[in-house]
Amino acid sequence: MLGFDPTPEQEALREMVHKFAAQRDPAAGGGVGPGRCLPLELFRKAFDLGLMTGFIPESYGGQGLTMFETCILEEEISWGARRRHVR
């Protein structure tokens, strides 16, 4: 049977990325929007957590996440950026 419920590992990934997105402010130091850049420190922290290499195969140094897991990751990151951009 085909199911779309996340596994415990996928739920742990979602929770970890959600916490990261909730604690970071992409608007700090330049913000988001036309002609603006995200702070380099934000990218470094995301990279350290493996959030920038999720879709890259493990054999090349990435996380080797599935497409579904990558969607979970990107959804939570987008949630964090959107909640700070729209007030």
N, C-alpha and C. Protein backbone atom coordinates (compact mmCIF):
# COMPACT_ATOMS: atom_id res chain seq x y z
N MET A 1 0.84 -1.17 0.00
CA MET A 1 0.00 0.00 0.00
C MET A 1 0.90 1.24 0.00
N LEU A 2 0.53 2.20 -0.79
CA LEU A 2 1.27 3.44 -0.90
C LEU A 2 0.81 4.41 0.19
N GLY A 3 1.76 4.98 0.90
CA GLY A 3 1.42 5.94 1.95
C GLY A 3 2.37 7.13 1.92
N PHE A 4 1.89 8.22 2.42
CA PHE A 4 2.69 9.44 2.44
C PHE A 4 2.96 9.94 3.85
N ASP A 5 2.69 9.10 4.83
CA ASP A 5 3.00 9.47 6.20
C ASP A 5 4.51 9.42 6.39
N PRO A 6 5.09 10.42 7.03
CA PRO A 6 6.53 10.41 7.23
C PRO A 6 6.96 9.32 8.21
N THR A 7 8.14 8.79 7.98
CA THR A 7 8.74 7.84 8.90
C THR A 7 9.22 8.61 10.14
N PRO A 8 9.56 7.91 11.21
CA PRO A 8 10.09 8.62 12.38
C PRO A 8 11.35 9.44 12.03
N GLU A 9 12.20 8.92 11.15
CA GLU A 9 13.40 9.66 10.74
C GLU A 9 13.03 10.91 9.96
N GLN A 10 12.04 10.81 9.09
CA GLN A 10 11.60 11.97 8.31
C GLN A 10 10.94 13.01 9.20
N GLU A 11 10.21 12.56 10.19
CA GLU A 11 9.59 13.49 11.14
C GLU A 11 10.67 14.20 11.97
N ALA A 12 11.73 13.47 12.34
CA ALA A 12 12.84 14.08 13.08
C ALA A 12 13.54 15.12 12.21
N LEU A 13 13.70 14.84 10.92
CA LEU A 13 14.28 15.81 9.99
C LEU A 13 13.42 17.06 9.93
N ARG A 14 12.10 16.88 9.81
CA ARG A 14 11.19 18.01 9.75
C ARG A 14 11.29 18.87 11.02
N GLU A 15 11.31 18.22 12.17
CA GLU A 15 11.40 18.95 13.43
C GLU A 15 12.71 19.73 13.55
N MET A 16 13.81 19.10 13.14
CA MET A 16 15.12 19.76 13.23
C MET A 16 15.16 20.98 12.32
N VAL A 17 14.67 20.84 11.09
CA VAL A 17 14.69 21.96 10.15
C VAL A 17 13.72 23.04 10.59
N HIS A 18 12.58 22.65 11.14
CA HIS A 18 11.60 23.62 11.63
C HIS A 18 12.21 24.47 12.75
N LYS A 19 12.91 23.82 13.69
CA LYS A 19 13.56 24.55 14.78
C LYS A 19 14.60 25.52 14.22
N PHE A 20 15.38 25.06 13.24
CA PHE A 20 16.37 25.93 12.63
C PHE A 20 15.70 27.14 12.00
N ALA A 21 14.63 26.91 11.24
CA ALA A 21 13.93 28.00 10.55
C ALA A 21 13.26 28.96 11.54
N ALA A 22 12.78 28.43 12.64
CA ALA A 22 12.10 29.27 13.63
C ALA A 22 13.08 30.14 14.41
N GLN A 23 14.31 29.67 14.58
CA GLN A 23 15.29 30.39 15.39
C GLN A 23 16.11 31.39 14.59
N ARG A 24 16.07 31.32 13.29
CA ARG A 24 16.89 32.19 12.46
C ARG A 24 16.05 33.30 11.86
N ASP A 25 16.65 34.45 11.71
CA ASP A 25 15.96 35.58 11.11
C ASP A 25 16.66 35.95 9.80
N PRO A 26 16.11 35.48 8.65
CA PRO A 26 16.76 35.80 7.39
C PRO A 26 16.73 37.29 7.05
N ALA A 27 15.89 38.05 7.73
CA ALA A 27 15.82 39.48 7.46
C ALA A 27 16.94 40.26 8.15
N ALA A 28 17.63 39.63 9.06
CA ALA A 28 18.70 40.33 9.78
C ALA A 28 19.89 40.58 8.85
N GLY A 29 20.41 41.77 8.89
CA GLY A 29 21.62 42.08 8.13
C GLY A 29 21.41 42.17 6.64
N GLY A 30 20.29 42.63 6.19
CA GLY A 30 20.08 42.78 4.75
C GLY A 30 18.73 42.26 4.32
N GLY A 31 18.29 41.21 4.96
CA GLY A 31 16.94 40.73 4.76
C GLY A 31 16.68 40.06 3.43
N VAL A 32 15.42 39.75 3.25
CA VAL A 32 14.96 39.13 2.03
C VAL A 32 14.16 40.14 1.24
N GLY A 33 14.10 39.96 -0.03
CA GLY A 33 13.36 40.87 -0.89
C GLY A 33 14.18 41.24 -2.10
N PRO A 34 13.60 42.01 -2.99
CA PRO A 34 14.30 42.40 -4.21
C PRO A 34 15.63 43.10 -3.92
N GLY A 35 16.70 42.62 -4.55
CA GLY A 35 18.00 43.24 -4.42
C GLY A 35 18.70 43.01 -3.09
N ARG A 36 18.18 42.12 -2.26
CA ARG A 36 18.79 41.86 -0.96
C ARG A 36 19.38 40.46 -0.93
N CYS A 37 20.28 40.24 -0.01
CA CYS A 37 20.95 38.94 0.13
C CYS A 37 20.71 38.38 1.52
N LEU A 38 20.70 37.06 1.60
CA LEU A 38 20.64 36.43 2.91
C LEU A 38 22.03 36.50 3.54
N PRO A 39 22.12 36.67 4.83
CA PRO A 39 23.42 36.75 5.49
C PRO A 39 24.23 35.47 5.30
N LEU A 40 25.52 35.62 5.06
CA LEU A 40 26.41 34.48 4.85
C LEU A 40 26.40 33.56 6.06
N GLU A 41 26.30 34.11 7.25
CA GLU A 41 26.28 33.30 8.47
C GLU A 41 25.09 32.34 8.48
N LEU A 42 23.96 32.77 7.94
CA LEU A 42 22.79 31.90 7.87
C LEU A 42 23.08 30.70 6.97
N PHE A 43 23.73 30.94 5.85
CA PHE A 43 24.10 29.84 4.95
C PHE A 43 25.10 28.90 5.61
N ARG A 44 26.05 29.45 6.36
CA ARG A 44 27.05 28.61 7.04
C ARG A 44 26.39 27.69 8.07
N LYS A 45 25.47 28.23 8.83
CA LYS A 45 24.77 27.41 9.82
C LYS A 45 23.93 26.33 9.15
N ALA A 46 23.26 26.69 8.07
CA ALA A 46 22.47 25.71 7.32
C ALA A 46 23.38 24.63 6.74
N PHE A 47 24.52 25.03 6.21
CA PHE A 47 25.46 24.07 5.65
C PHE A 47 25.98 23.13 6.73
N ASP A 48 26.31 23.66 7.89
CA ASP A 48 26.82 22.84 8.99
C ASP A 48 25.80 21.78 9.42
N LEU A 49 24.52 22.09 9.30
CA LEU A 49 23.47 21.14 9.65
C LEU A 49 23.16 20.17 8.51
N GLY A 50 23.77 20.39 7.35
CA GLY A 50 23.52 19.52 6.21
C GLY A 50 22.30 19.93 5.40
N LEU A 51 21.78 21.14 5.65
CA LEU A 51 20.57 21.58 4.97
C LEU A 51 20.82 22.04 3.53
N MET A 52 22.07 22.28 3.19
CA MET A 52 22.39 22.75 1.84
C MET A 52 22.81 21.61 0.92
N THR A 53 22.99 20.42 1.48
CA THR A 53 23.48 19.30 0.69
C THR A 53 22.55 18.09 0.75
N GLY A 54 21.33 18.31 1.12
CA GLY A 54 20.39 17.20 1.30
C GLY A 54 20.19 16.35 0.07
N PHE A 55 20.10 16.96 -1.09
CA PHE A 55 19.80 16.24 -2.33
C PHE A 55 21.04 15.62 -2.98
N ILE A 56 22.22 15.94 -2.48
CA ILE A 56 23.46 15.41 -3.06
C ILE A 56 23.69 14.01 -2.51
N PRO A 57 24.03 13.04 -3.37
CA PRO A 57 24.27 11.67 -2.90
C PRO A 57 25.36 11.61 -1.83
N GLU A 58 25.22 10.68 -0.91
CA GLU A 58 26.21 10.52 0.16
C GLU A 58 27.61 10.24 -0.39
N SER A 59 27.68 9.54 -1.52
CA SER A 59 28.98 9.22 -2.11
C SER A 59 29.74 10.48 -2.55
N TYR A 60 29.04 11.59 -2.66
CA TYR A 60 29.66 12.87 -3.03
C TYR A 60 29.69 13.86 -1.86
N GLY A 61 29.41 13.36 -0.66
CA GLY A 61 29.49 14.20 0.52
C GLY A 61 28.19 14.84 0.95
N GLY A 62 27.09 14.49 0.31
CA GLY A 62 25.80 15.06 0.68
C GLY A 62 25.06 14.19 1.67
N GLN A 63 23.80 14.53 1.89
CA GLN A 63 22.96 13.79 2.82
C GLN A 63 22.29 12.59 2.17
N GLY A 64 22.15 12.64 0.85
CA GLY A 64 21.50 11.53 0.15
C GLY A 64 20.02 11.41 0.46
N LEU A 65 19.37 12.54 0.69
CA LEU A 65 17.94 12.52 1.00
C LEU A 65 17.12 12.13 -0.23
N THR A 66 15.97 11.52 0.04
CA THR A 66 15.03 11.22 -1.03
C THR A 66 14.36 12.52 -1.48
N MET A 67 13.64 12.44 -2.57
CA MET A 67 12.91 13.62 -3.05
C MET A 67 11.88 14.07 -2.01
N PHE A 68 11.21 13.12 -1.38
CA PHE A 68 10.23 13.44 -0.35
C PHE A 68 10.90 14.15 0.82
N GLU A 69 12.05 13.66 1.26
CA GLU A 69 12.76 14.28 2.37
C GLU A 69 13.27 15.67 2.01
N THR A 70 13.71 15.83 0.77
CA THR A 70 14.13 17.15 0.30
C THR A 70 12.96 18.12 0.31
N CYS A 71 11.78 17.65 -0.05
CA CYS A 71 10.58 18.49 -0.01
C CYS A 71 10.25 18.91 1.42
N ILE A 72 10.41 17.98 2.37
CA ILE A 72 10.18 18.30 3.77
C ILE A 72 11.13 19.41 4.20
N LEU A 73 12.40 19.26 3.86
CA LEU A 73 13.43 20.24 4.21
C LEU A 73 13.10 21.61 3.62
N GLU A 74 12.81 21.64 2.34
CA GLU A 74 12.54 22.92 1.66
C GLU A 74 11.25 23.56 2.14
N GLU A 75 10.26 22.75 2.48
CA GLU A 75 9.01 23.30 2.99
C GLU A 75 9.22 24.02 4.32
N GLU A 76 10.00 23.43 5.20
CA GLU A 76 10.25 24.06 6.50
C GLU A 76 11.11 25.31 6.37
N ILE A 77 12.12 25.28 5.51
CA ILE A 77 12.95 26.47 5.28
C ILE A 77 12.08 27.59 4.70
N SER A 78 11.21 27.25 3.76
CA SER A 78 10.32 28.25 3.15
C SER A 78 9.36 28.82 4.19
N TRP A 79 8.87 27.96 5.09
CA TRP A 79 7.99 28.43 6.15
C TRP A 79 8.70 29.50 6.98
N GLY A 80 9.95 29.24 7.35
CA GLY A 80 10.70 30.20 8.16
C GLY A 80 10.91 31.53 7.46
N ALA A 81 11.26 31.46 6.18
CA ALA A 81 11.47 32.70 5.41
C ALA A 81 10.17 33.45 5.22
N ARG A 82 9.11 32.74 4.94
CA ARG A 82 7.81 33.39 4.69
C ARG A 82 7.26 34.03 5.95
N ARG A 83 7.38 33.35 7.07
CA ARG A 83 6.79 33.90 8.30
C ARG A 83 7.47 35.19 8.72
N ARG A 84 8.71 35.39 8.32
CA ARG A 84 9.39 36.63 8.68
C ARG A 84 9.18 37.71 7.60
N HIS A 85 8.93 37.28 6.39
CA HIS A 85 8.77 38.25 5.30
C HIS A 85 7.38 38.87 5.28
N VAL A 86 6.37 38.09 5.65
CA VAL A 86 4.98 38.56 5.62
C VAL A 86 4.55 38.84 7.04
N ARG A 87 4.30 40.07 7.33
CA ARG A 87 3.84 40.45 8.68
C ARG A 87 2.61 41.28 8.59
